[in-house]
Amino acid sequence: MEESRGRVTKDGIRIYNTTSDFDGIRASCRITAQILDEVAPLVQPGVTTAELDDFIRNRITELGATSATIGYRGYKHASCISINHVVCHGIPGPKIIHDGDILNIDITVILDGWFGDSSRMYVAGNLSRKAERLIEVTYESLMLGIAQVRPGNTFGDIGHAIQQYVESNRMSVVRDFCGHGVGRVFHAPPNVLHYGRPGTGAVLEEGMIFTIEPMVNLGRPDTKVLADDWTAVTRDKSLSAQYEHCVGVTADGCEIFTLSPANRFHKTWE
């Protein structure tokens, strides 16, 4: 797919036009956020992850977009659905959701060549206090990372804000997966680490577009990928949670493109 015009920094990060290009990414991200809103009432005990994925697949088509994940490196589904100790890239299928399960649902759509990428947490039925606390900390860590997004700051500032908050709450940040540049391609520089030291890494500039998507574990940060070559789980089987926003750097801060139209993207998930 042809890239949008614009310069590329010495770190390989594309600088987009904040007027015309931001309009394009806004539209694709709006569809992603809308579908993530609409799937929320369907997350109930007794439902299968395949049923959720079927709904997502159909809504993407109905809204005039295309799934970015169907066919991506052989992947066959319109979403990744990661339950409990699955960190990311959980494959939808016949698995039944049970009371008390926590889920991350991750969707990326393509609209007019622009990729809209976001994920958030959902709860099926009753919720344990430890799972609730994990979700709260993960959400807050994302927002603290986003608060560092402005010209002149660095990607290390983002990672440090997330890591410091998570570890102060006696949880751990996954190191094996990260956020990424996005826009006219699915994955591009930079790698957005969710840990780091202040003042390190590439400097943020107006026009950069990327995801921030911390994965937080109740136990240790170590993960492993299962034999399907997709599903990543915590090695110690501790619970894991993730939130993801797509953001763009503006002249004086940032714009969050994947805000929930129904205000469902938050730590209380109602």
Protein backbone atom coordinates (compact mmCIF):
# COMPACT_ATOMS: atom_id res chain seq x y z
CA MET A 1 0.00 0.00 0.00
CA GLU A 2 1.33 3.42 -0.91
CA GLU A 3 2.51 5.51 2.01
CA SER A 4 1.21 8.99 2.67
CA ARG A 5 3.59 11.72 1.55
CA GLY A 6 5.70 13.40 4.18
CA ARG A 7 9.19 13.29 5.56
CA VAL A 8 10.74 10.51 7.61
CA THR A 9 12.94 11.25 10.63
CA LYS A 10 16.46 9.85 11.10
CA ASP A 11 14.83 7.18 13.32
CA GLY A 12 12.62 6.06 10.43
CA ILE A 13 9.44 7.59 11.87
CA ARG A 14 7.04 9.10 9.35
CA ILE A 15 5.77 12.63 9.93
CA TYR A 16 2.17 12.98 8.75
CA ASN A 17 0.29 16.10 7.75
CA THR A 18 -1.78 17.03 10.80
CA THR A 19 -4.56 18.51 8.68
CA SER A 20 -5.29 16.11 5.82
CA ASP A 21 -3.67 12.94 7.18
CA PHE A 22 -5.15 13.29 10.64
CA ASP A 23 -8.59 13.40 9.01
CA GLY A 24 -7.92 10.01 7.46
CA ILE A 25 -6.71 8.32 10.63
CA ARG A 26 -9.59 9.86 12.61
CA ALA A 27 -12.17 8.24 10.35
CA SER A 28 -10.67 4.74 10.54
CA CYS A 29 -10.14 4.96 14.29
CA ARG A 30 -13.72 6.15 14.78
CA ILE A 31 -15.00 2.91 13.23
CA THR A 32 -12.69 0.81 15.40
CA ALA A 33 -13.84 2.59 18.55
CA GLN A 34 -17.51 2.31 17.56
CA ILE A 35 -17.27 -1.45 17.09
CA LEU A 36 -15.46 -1.85 20.39
CA ASP A 37 -18.40 0.00 21.96
CA GLU A 38 -20.98 -2.14 20.21
CA VAL A 39 -19.44 -5.48 21.17
CA ALA A 40 -19.49 -4.68 24.89
CA PRO A 41 -23.05 -5.90 25.65
CA LEU A 42 -22.27 -9.23 23.95
CA VAL A 43 -19.46 -10.09 26.38
CA GLN A 44 -21.39 -12.41 28.65
CA PRO A 45 -20.83 -15.81 30.27
CA GLY A 46 -21.79 -18.58 27.83
CA VAL A 47 -20.80 -16.69 24.68
CA THR A 48 -17.92 -18.00 22.57
CA THR A 49 -15.06 -15.85 21.35
CA ALA A 50 -15.95 -16.95 17.79
CA GLU A 51 -19.39 -15.37 18.21
CA LEU A 52 -17.81 -12.10 19.25
CA ASP A 53 -15.44 -12.23 16.29
CA ASP A 54 -18.32 -12.93 13.88
CA PHE A 55 -20.11 -9.83 15.16
CA ILE A 56 -16.95 -7.75 14.75
CA ARG A 57 -16.30 -9.07 11.24
CA ASN A 58 -19.85 -8.24 10.13
CA ARG A 59 -19.81 -4.74 11.63
CA ILE A 60 -16.52 -3.88 9.95
CA THR A 61 -18.08 -4.73 6.58
CA GLU A 62 -21.36 -2.95 7.35
CA LEU A 63 -19.48 0.23 8.24
CA GLY A 64 -17.62 0.23 4.94
CA ALA A 65 -14.21 -0.77 6.25
CA THR A 66 -11.92 -3.80 5.89
CA SER A 67 -10.35 -5.94 8.59
CA ALA A 68 -6.58 -5.41 8.76
CA THR A 69 -6.01 -8.73 10.51
CA ILE A 70 -7.82 -11.14 8.18
CA GLY A 71 -5.05 -12.48 5.95
CA TYR A 72 -2.28 -10.72 7.90
CA ARG A 73 0.53 -13.30 8.10
CA GLY A 74 -2.07 -16.01 7.62
CA TYR A 75 -4.36 -14.84 10.43
CA LYS A 76 -8.03 -15.68 9.77
CA HIS A 77 -9.99 -13.52 12.20
CA ALA A 78 -11.22 -9.94 12.51
CA SER A 79 -10.05 -9.54 16.10
CA CYS A 80 -7.71 -10.85 18.75
CA ILE A 81 -9.51 -11.87 21.95
CA SER A 82 -7.25 -12.51 24.92
CA ILE A 83 -8.76 -14.02 28.08
CA ASN A 84 -7.36 -13.97 31.63
CA HIS A 85 -3.69 -15.06 31.42
CA VAL A 86 -3.49 -14.52 27.65
CA VAL A 87 -1.37 -11.41 27.17
CA CYS A 88 -2.21 -10.69 23.53
CA HIS A 89 -3.04 -12.22 20.13
CA GLY A 90 -5.61 -14.67 21.48
CA ILE A 91 -7.33 -16.44 18.57
CA PRO A 92 -11.16 -16.44 18.52
CA GLY A 93 -12.75 -19.87 18.44
CA PRO A 94 -15.12 -22.22 20.29
CA LYS A 95 -13.84 -21.22 23.73
CA ILE A 96 -16.74 -20.32 26.01
CA ILE A 97 -16.48 -17.22 28.18
CA HIS A 98 -17.08 -17.93 31.87
CA ASP A 99 -18.30 -15.81 34.76
CA GLY A 100 -15.45 -13.67 36.07
CA ASP A 101 -13.34 -13.83 32.91
CA ILE A 102 -11.58 -10.67 31.79
CA LEU A 103 -11.01 -10.12 28.07
CA ASN A 104 -9.00 -7.84 25.89
CA ILE A 105 -10.51 -7.34 22.43
CA ASP A 106 -8.17 -5.86 19.83
CA ILE A 107 -9.45 -4.61 16.45
CA THR A 108 -7.76 -2.92 13.49
CA VAL A 109 -9.73 -1.72 10.49
CA ILE A 110 -8.69 -0.17 7.19
CA LEU A 111 -10.70 2.71 5.77
CA ASP A 112 -9.54 4.52 2.63
CA GLY A 113 -6.04 3.18 3.23
CA TRP A 114 -5.84 4.27 6.89
CA PHE A 115 -5.38 1.77 9.72
CA GLY A 116 -7.38 2.31 12.93
CA ASP A 117 -6.03 0.21 15.81
CA SER A 118 -7.34 -0.04 19.38
CA SER A 119 -8.09 -2.50 22.17
CA ARG A 120 -9.74 -2.42 25.55
CA MET A 121 -10.77 -4.60 28.48
CA TYR A 122 -14.14 -6.27 29.07
CA VAL A 123 -15.57 -8.23 32.00
CA ALA A 124 -17.94 -11.21 31.82
CA GLY A 125 -20.24 -11.38 34.83
CA ASN A 126 -18.81 -10.91 38.31
CA LEU A 127 -15.32 -9.54 38.79
CA SER A 128 -12.74 -10.40 41.43
CA ARG A 129 -11.07 -7.54 43.26
CA LYS A 130 -7.60 -8.55 42.03
CA ALA A 131 -8.77 -8.52 38.40
CA GLU A 132 -10.52 -5.19 38.94
CA ARG A 133 -7.34 -3.69 40.36
CA LEU A 134 -5.28 -5.02 37.44
CA ILE A 135 -7.66 -3.42 34.96
CA GLU A 136 -7.60 -0.12 36.84
CA VAL A 137 -3.80 0.02 36.94
CA THR A 138 -3.49 -0.91 33.26
CA TYR A 139 -5.92 1.81 32.22
CA GLU A 140 -4.24 4.45 34.38
CA SER A 141 -0.81 3.47 33.05
CA LEU A 142 -2.00 4.02 29.48
CA MET A 143 -3.36 7.45 30.31
CA LEU A 144 -0.17 8.42 32.15
CA GLY A 145 1.81 7.38 29.08
CA ILE A 146 -0.44 9.43 26.82
CA ALA A 147 0.04 12.44 29.12
CA GLN A 148 3.72 12.43 28.09
CA VAL A 149 2.93 12.77 24.38
CA ARG A 150 3.91 16.23 23.20
CA PRO A 151 6.63 17.69 20.98
CA GLY A 152 10.04 17.68 22.61
CA ASN A 153 9.41 14.75 24.92
CA THR A 154 10.84 11.32 24.10
CA PHE A 155 9.48 7.82 23.77
CA GLY A 156 11.48 6.99 26.88
CA ASP A 157 9.33 9.49 28.78
CA ILE A 158 6.22 7.54 27.74
CA GLY A 159 7.67 4.19 28.76
CA HIS A 160 9.00 5.49 32.05
CA ALA A 161 5.64 6.95 33.09
CA ILE A 162 3.93 3.62 32.42
CA GLN A 163 6.59 1.47 34.08
CA GLN A 164 6.89 3.63 37.18
CA TYR A 165 3.16 3.59 37.84
CA VAL A 166 2.71 -0.14 37.19
CA GLU A 167 5.63 -1.19 39.33
CA SER A 168 4.61 1.16 42.14
CA ASN A 169 1.43 -0.93 42.27
CA ARG A 170 3.44 -4.18 42.53
CA MET A 171 2.58 -5.34 39.02
CA SER A 172 4.81 -5.83 35.99
CA VAL A 173 5.03 -4.44 32.45
CA VAL A 174 5.36 -6.95 29.60
CA ARG A 175 8.62 -6.40 27.70
CA ASP A 176 8.07 -8.78 24.79
CA PHE A 177 5.43 -6.70 22.97
CA CYS A 178 5.13 -2.97 22.33
CA GLY A 179 3.21 -0.22 20.61
CA HIS A 180 4.08 0.83 17.07
CA GLY A 181 3.80 3.45 14.40
CA VAL A 182 0.60 3.26 12.39
CA GLY A 183 -1.13 5.23 9.66
CA ARG A 184 -1.03 4.16 6.02
CA VAL A 185 0.60 0.89 7.12
CA PHE A 186 -0.30 -1.52 9.94
CA HIS A 187 3.06 -1.56 11.72
CA ALA A 188 5.87 0.93 11.26
CA PRO A 189 8.60 2.61 13.31
CA PRO A 190 8.84 3.45 16.13
CA ASN A 191 8.60 0.57 18.57
CA VAL A 192 6.79 2.18 21.50
CA LEU A 193 8.17 0.50 24.62
CA HIS A 194 6.11 0.57 27.80
CA TYR A 195 9.17 0.85 30.01
CA GLY A 196 12.29 2.97 29.85
CA ARG A 197 14.28 5.91 31.12
CA PRO A 198 13.22 9.57 30.85
CA GLY A 199 14.89 11.52 28.08
CA THR A 200 15.87 8.46 26.03
CA GLY A 201 14.71 7.31 22.63
CA ALA A 202 13.49 9.31 19.65
CA VAL A 203 12.16 12.82 20.23
CA LEU A 204 8.44 13.31 19.63
CA GLU A 205 7.51 15.61 16.75
CA GLU A 206 4.22 17.02 15.55
CA GLY A 207 2.72 14.67 12.95
CA MET A 208 3.84 11.35 14.43
CA ILE A 209 1.09 8.71 14.74
CA PHE A 210 1.50 5.60 16.89
CA THR A 211 -0.18 3.28 19.36
CA ILE A 212 0.44 3.04 23.09
CA GLU A 213 -0.78 -0.32 24.37
CA PRO A 214 0.68 -1.43 27.71
CA MET A 215 0.27 -5.06 28.74
CA VAL A 216 0.36 -5.43 32.51
CA ASN A 217 0.65 -8.68 34.49
CA LEU A 218 -0.32 -9.37 38.07
CA GLY A 219 2.74 -11.60 38.30
CA ARG A 220 6.06 -11.57 36.52
CA PRO A 221 6.48 -9.92 33.08
CA ASP A 222 7.66 -13.09 31.31
CA THR A 223 5.57 -14.42 28.41
CA LYS A 224 5.63 -17.33 26.01
CA VAL A 225 3.99 -17.88 22.62
CA LEU A 226 1.96 -21.07 22.21
CA ALA A 227 2.30 -23.63 19.42
CA ASP A 228 -0.22 -21.74 17.24
CA ASP A 229 2.50 -19.06 16.80
CA TRP A 230 0.07 -16.31 17.84
CA THR A 231 -1.26 -16.68 21.38
CA ALA A 232 1.04 -15.10 23.99
CA VAL A 233 0.46 -16.05 27.63
CA THR A 234 2.03 -15.25 30.98
CA ARG A 235 4.59 -17.88 31.93
CA ASP A 236 3.42 -17.93 35.54
CA LYS A 237 -0.27 -18.05 34.48
CA SER A 238 -0.97 -14.75 36.26
CA LEU A 239 -3.74 -12.50 34.94
CA SER A 240 -2.85 -9.96 32.25
CA ALA A 241 -4.63 -6.84 30.97
CA GLN A 242 -4.12 -4.39 28.13
CA TYR A 243 -5.49 -1.08 26.86
CA GLU A 244 -4.56 0.51 23.54
CA HIS A 245 -5.11 3.92 22.03
CA CYS A 246 -3.93 5.34 18.72
CA VAL A 247 -2.58 8.87 19.15
CA GLY A 248 -1.12 11.64 17.02
CA VAL A 249 1.33 14.30 18.16
CA THR A 250 -0.06 17.81 17.76
CA ALA A 251 1.61 21.21 18.04
CA ASP A 252 1.05 21.39 21.79
CA GLY A 253 0.22 17.84 22.91
CA CYS A 254 -1.61 14.94 21.32
CA GLU A 255 -4.92 13.81 19.89
CA ILE A 256 -6.40 10.46 20.90
CA PHE A 257 -8.01 9.08 17.75
CA THR A 258 -9.66 6.00 19.30
CA LEU A 259 -11.80 7.68 21.97
CA SER A 260 -15.03 5.78 22.63
CA PRO A 261 -18.10 7.45 21.05
CA ALA A 262 -20.21 6.01 23.91
CA ASN A 263 -17.61 6.73 26.62
CA ARG A 264 -17.03 3.01 27.19
CA PHE A 265 -13.23 3.17 27.05
CA HIS A 266 -12.40 3.52 30.72
CA LYS A 267 -11.40 1.52 33.75
CA THR A 268 -14.94 0.83 34.97
CA TRP A 269 -15.99 -0.78 31.61
CA GLU A 270 -19.79 -0.40 32.03
